[in-house]
């Protein structure tokens, strides 16, 4: 980078340390086969936008679309519903961040390979 001129005097710029940029994982088709991604990140990438069911420490069950996670295993769900008791009406929450330290278990809604929308 060049020097800046302030009131006619040259002021040298301090070199900026080159930091690794944040890695954003997406389910965009052109990034799905990125060879630099670890197997765990590839699996998380496939889960983006899928329905995730999370049981938290106080017994509540949260069901919503998986949006993102971070190093601390915090998870963000969109269009989330909260179930206090199984079989009871859910309470709609919207966007929710679930702290990783409160997650007891989680499950992903995997498509059944045997089922198909097409009738043969």
C-alpha atoms as a PDB file:
ATOM      1  CA  UNK A   1       0.000   0.000   0.000  1.00  0.00           C
ATOM      2  CA  UNK A   2       1.253   3.536  -0.668  1.00  0.00           C
ATOM      3  CA  UNK A   3       1.916   6.354   1.758  1.00  0.00           C
ATOM      4  CA  UNK A   4      -0.799   8.857   2.563  1.00  0.00           C
ATOM      5  CA  UNK A   5      -0.300  12.582   2.222  1.00  0.00           C
ATOM      6  CA  UNK A   6      -1.758  14.676   5.039  1.00  0.00           C
ATOM      7  CA  UNK A   7      -1.305  18.442   4.789  1.00  0.00           C
ATOM      8  CA  UNK A   8       1.509  18.014   2.314  1.00  0.00           C
ATOM      9  CA  UNK A   9       3.562  15.600   4.464  1.00  0.00           C
ATOM     10  CA  UNK A  10       4.050  11.964   3.588  1.00  0.00           C
ATOM     11  CA  UNK A  11       2.794   9.634   6.327  1.00  0.00           C
ATOM     12  CA  UNK A  12       3.895   6.019   5.970  1.00  0.00           C
ATOM     13  CA  UNK A  13       1.236   3.403   6.571  1.00  0.00           C
ATOM     14  CA  UNK A  14       1.938   0.750   9.167  1.00  0.00           C
ATOM     15  CA  UNK A  15       1.925  -2.730   7.659  1.00  0.00           C
ATOM     16  CA  UNK A  16      -1.252  -4.583   8.518  1.00  0.00           C
ATOM     17  CA  UNK A  17      -0.863  -8.184   9.704  1.00  0.00           C
ATOM     18  CA  UNK A  18      -2.395 -10.637   7.305  1.00  0.00           C
ATOM     19  CA  UNK A  19      -5.041 -12.549   9.225  1.00  0.00           C
ATOM     20  CA  UNK A  20      -6.912 -15.540   7.917  1.00  0.00           C
ATOM     21  CA  UNK A  21     -10.376 -14.343   6.925  1.00  0.00           C
ATOM     22  CA  UNK A  22     -13.439 -15.901   8.444  1.00  0.00           C
ATOM     23  CA  UNK A  23     -14.435 -19.055   6.614  1.00  0.00           C
ATOM     24  CA  UNK A  24     -18.059 -18.951   5.610  1.00  0.00           C
ATOM     25  CA  UNK A  25     -19.546 -22.325   4.870  1.00  0.00           C
ATOM     26  CA  UNK A  26     -22.477 -22.308   2.535  1.00  0.00           C
ATOM     27  CA  UNK A  27     -24.528 -24.816   0.628  1.00  0.00           C
ATOM     28  CA  UNK A  28     -23.905 -22.986  -2.651  1.00  0.00           C
ATOM     29  CA  UNK A  29     -23.321 -25.578  -5.410  1.00  0.00           C
ATOM     30  CA  UNK A  30     -19.948 -24.138  -6.484  1.00  0.00           C
ATOM     31  CA  UNK A  31     -18.514 -24.568  -2.959  1.00  0.00           C
ATOM     32  CA  UNK A  32     -19.896 -28.011  -2.152  1.00  0.00           C
ATOM     33  CA  UNK A  33     -16.805 -29.847  -3.467  1.00  0.00           C
ATOM     34  CA  UNK A  34     -14.179 -27.533  -1.957  1.00  0.00           C
ATOM     35  CA  UNK A  35     -11.180 -29.857  -1.341  1.00  0.00           C
ATOM     36  CA  UNK A  36      -9.924 -27.710   1.550  1.00  0.00           C
ATOM     37  CA  UNK A  37     -12.967 -28.530   3.718  1.00  0.00           C
ATOM     38  CA  UNK A  38     -12.594 -31.181   6.395  1.00  0.00           C
ATOM     39  CA  UNK A  39     -15.052 -34.125   6.432  1.00  0.00           C
ATOM     40  CA  UNK A  40     -16.815 -32.577   9.433  1.00  0.00           C
ATOM     41  CA  UNK A  41     -17.319 -29.262   7.663  1.00  0.00           C
ATOM     42  CA  UNK A  42     -18.581 -31.057   4.565  1.00  0.00           C
ATOM     43  CA  UNK A  43     -21.150 -32.880   6.701  1.00  0.00           C
ATOM     44  CA  UNK A  44     -22.245 -29.618   8.362  1.00  0.00           C
ATOM     45  CA  UNK A  45     -22.508 -28.025   4.940  1.00  0.00           C
ATOM     46  CA  UNK A  46     -24.908 -30.757   3.805  1.00  0.00           C
ATOM     47  CA  UNK A  47     -27.036 -30.123   6.898  1.00  0.00           C
ATOM     48  CA  UNK A  48     -27.558 -26.406   6.140  1.00  0.00           C
ATOM     49  CA  UNK A  49     -31.238 -25.674   5.582  1.00  0.00           C
ATOM     50  CA  UNK A  50     -32.322 -29.080   6.926  1.00  0.00           C
ATOM     51  CA  UNK A  51     -34.713 -29.601   9.839  1.00  0.00           C
ATOM     52  CA  UNK A  52     -32.812 -30.054  13.090  1.00  0.00           C
ATOM     53  CA  UNK A  53     -34.287 -31.339  16.387  1.00  0.00           C
ATOM     54  CA  UNK A  54     -32.424 -30.263  19.532  1.00  0.00           C
ATOM     55  CA  UNK A  55     -33.086 -31.428  23.091  1.00  0.00           C
ATOM     56  CA  UNK A  56     -31.735 -28.960  25.669  1.00  0.00           C
ATOM     57  CA  UNK A  57     -30.813 -29.418  29.335  1.00  0.00           C
ATOM     58  CA  UNK A  58     -34.163 -28.273  30.748  1.00  0.00           C
ATOM     59  CA  UNK A  59     -36.031 -30.892  28.680  1.00  0.00           C
ATOM     60  CA  UNK A  60     -37.419 -28.618  25.978  1.00  0.00           C
ATOM     61  CA  UNK A  61     -37.247 -29.732  22.357  1.00  0.00           C
ATOM     62  CA  UNK A  62     -36.485 -27.161  19.653  1.00  0.00           C
ATOM     63  CA  UNK A  63     -37.224 -27.941  16.012  1.00  0.00           C
ATOM     64  CA  UNK A  64     -36.192 -25.615  13.207  1.00  0.00           C
ATOM     65  CA  UNK A  65     -34.081 -25.117  10.102  1.00  0.00           C
ATOM     66  CA  UNK A  66     -30.312 -25.316  10.696  1.00  0.00           C
ATOM     67  CA  UNK A  67     -28.678 -22.018   9.735  1.00  0.00           C
ATOM     68  CA  UNK A  68     -25.223 -21.998  11.276  1.00  0.00           C
ATOM     69  CA  UNK A  69     -22.912 -23.053  14.070  1.00  0.00           C
ATOM     70  CA  UNK A  70     -19.630 -21.875  15.548  1.00  0.00           C
ATOM     71  CA  UNK A  71     -16.584 -23.187  17.423  1.00  0.00           C
ATOM     72  CA  UNK A  72     -18.474 -23.298  20.713  1.00  0.00           C
ATOM     73  CA  UNK A  73     -21.182 -25.542  19.176  1.00  0.00           C
ATOM     74  CA  UNK A  74     -23.784 -22.766  19.411  1.00  0.00           C
ATOM     75  CA  UNK A  75     -26.479 -23.433  16.831  1.00  0.00           C
ATOM     76  CA  UNK A  76     -28.811 -20.999  15.079  1.00  0.00           C
ATOM     77  CA  UNK A  77     -32.225 -22.288  13.977  1.00  0.00           C
ATOM     78  CA  UNK A  78     -34.761 -20.384  11.898  1.00  0.00           C
ATOM     79  CA  UNK A  79     -38.533 -20.880  11.950  1.00  0.00           C
ATOM     80  CA  UNK A  80     -38.026 -22.636  15.278  1.00  0.00           C
ATOM     81  CA  UNK A  81     -40.801 -24.245  17.330  1.00  0.00           C
ATOM     82  CA  UNK A  82     -40.475 -25.118  21.004  1.00  0.00           C
ATOM     83  CA  UNK A  83     -42.088 -28.221  22.471  1.00  0.00           C
ATOM     84  CA  UNK A  84     -42.444 -28.324  26.264  1.00  0.00           C
ATOM     85  CA  UNK A  85     -44.282 -31.643  26.370  1.00  0.00           C
ATOM     86  CA  UNK A  86     -44.369 -34.176  23.533  1.00  0.00           C
ATOM     87  CA  UNK A  87     -47.741 -34.153  21.792  1.00  0.00           C
ATOM     88  CA  UNK A  88     -48.623 -30.647  23.021  1.00  0.00           C
ATOM     89  CA  UNK A  89     -49.025 -27.598  20.756  1.00  0.00           C
ATOM     90  CA  UNK A  90     -45.650 -26.012  19.965  1.00  0.00           C
ATOM     91  CA  UNK A  91     -44.786 -22.408  20.696  1.00  0.00           C
ATOM     92  CA  UNK A  92     -43.409 -20.649  17.607  1.00  0.00           C
ATOM     93  CA  UNK A  93     -40.182 -18.777  18.342  1.00  0.00           C
ATOM     94  CA  UNK A  94     -38.750 -17.689  14.984  1.00  0.00           C
ATOM     95  CA  UNK A  95     -34.934 -17.368  14.926  1.00  0.00           C
ATOM     96  CA  UNK A  96     -33.181 -18.950  17.915  1.00  0.00           C
ATOM     97  CA  UNK A  97     -29.566 -19.276  19.033  1.00  0.00           C
ATOM     98  CA  UNK A  98     -29.073 -22.379  21.167  1.00  0.00           C
ATOM     99  CA  UNK A  99     -25.920 -22.269  23.339  1.00  0.00           C
ATOM    100  CA  UNK A 100     -23.797 -25.356  22.783  1.00  0.00           C
ATOM    101  CA  UNK A 101     -23.382 -25.937  26.518  1.00  0.00           C
ATOM    102  CA  UNK A 102     -27.159 -26.502  26.830  1.00  0.00           C
ATOM    103  CA  UNK A 103     -27.476 -29.062  24.018  1.00  0.00           C
ATOM    104  CA  UNK A 104     -28.159 -32.592  25.259  1.00  0.00           C
ATOM    105  CA  UNK A 105     -28.780 -34.187  21.860  1.00  0.00           C
ATOM    106  CA  UNK A 106     -29.583 -33.252  18.307  1.00  0.00           C
ATOM    107  CA  UNK A 107     -30.866 -35.085  15.296  1.00  0.00           C
ATOM    108  CA  UNK A 108     -31.102 -34.124  11.670  1.00  0.00           C
ATOM    109  CA  UNK A 109     -34.086 -34.928   9.477  1.00  0.00           C
ATOM    110  CA  UNK A 110     -32.456 -37.177   6.898  1.00  0.00           C
ATOM    111  CA  UNK A 111     -34.450 -38.027   3.781  1.00  0.00           C
ATOM    112  CA  UNK A 112     -35.469 -41.660   3.495  1.00  0.00           C
ATOM    113  CA  UNK A 113     -33.746 -43.080   0.385  1.00  0.00           C
ATOM    114  CA  UNK A 114     -36.621 -45.536  -0.061  1.00  0.00           C
ATOM    115  CA  UNK A 115     -39.284 -42.832  -0.268  1.00  0.00           C
ATOM    116  CA  UNK A 116     -39.893 -40.891  -3.432  1.00  0.00           C
ATOM    117  CA  UNK A 117     -42.416 -38.344  -4.555  1.00  0.00           C
ATOM    118  CA  UNK A 118     -42.745 -40.109  -7.875  1.00  0.00           C
ATOM    119  CA  UNK A 119     -45.172 -43.004  -8.048  1.00  0.00           C
ATOM    120  CA  UNK A 120     -43.842 -45.771 -10.224  1.00  0.00           C
END
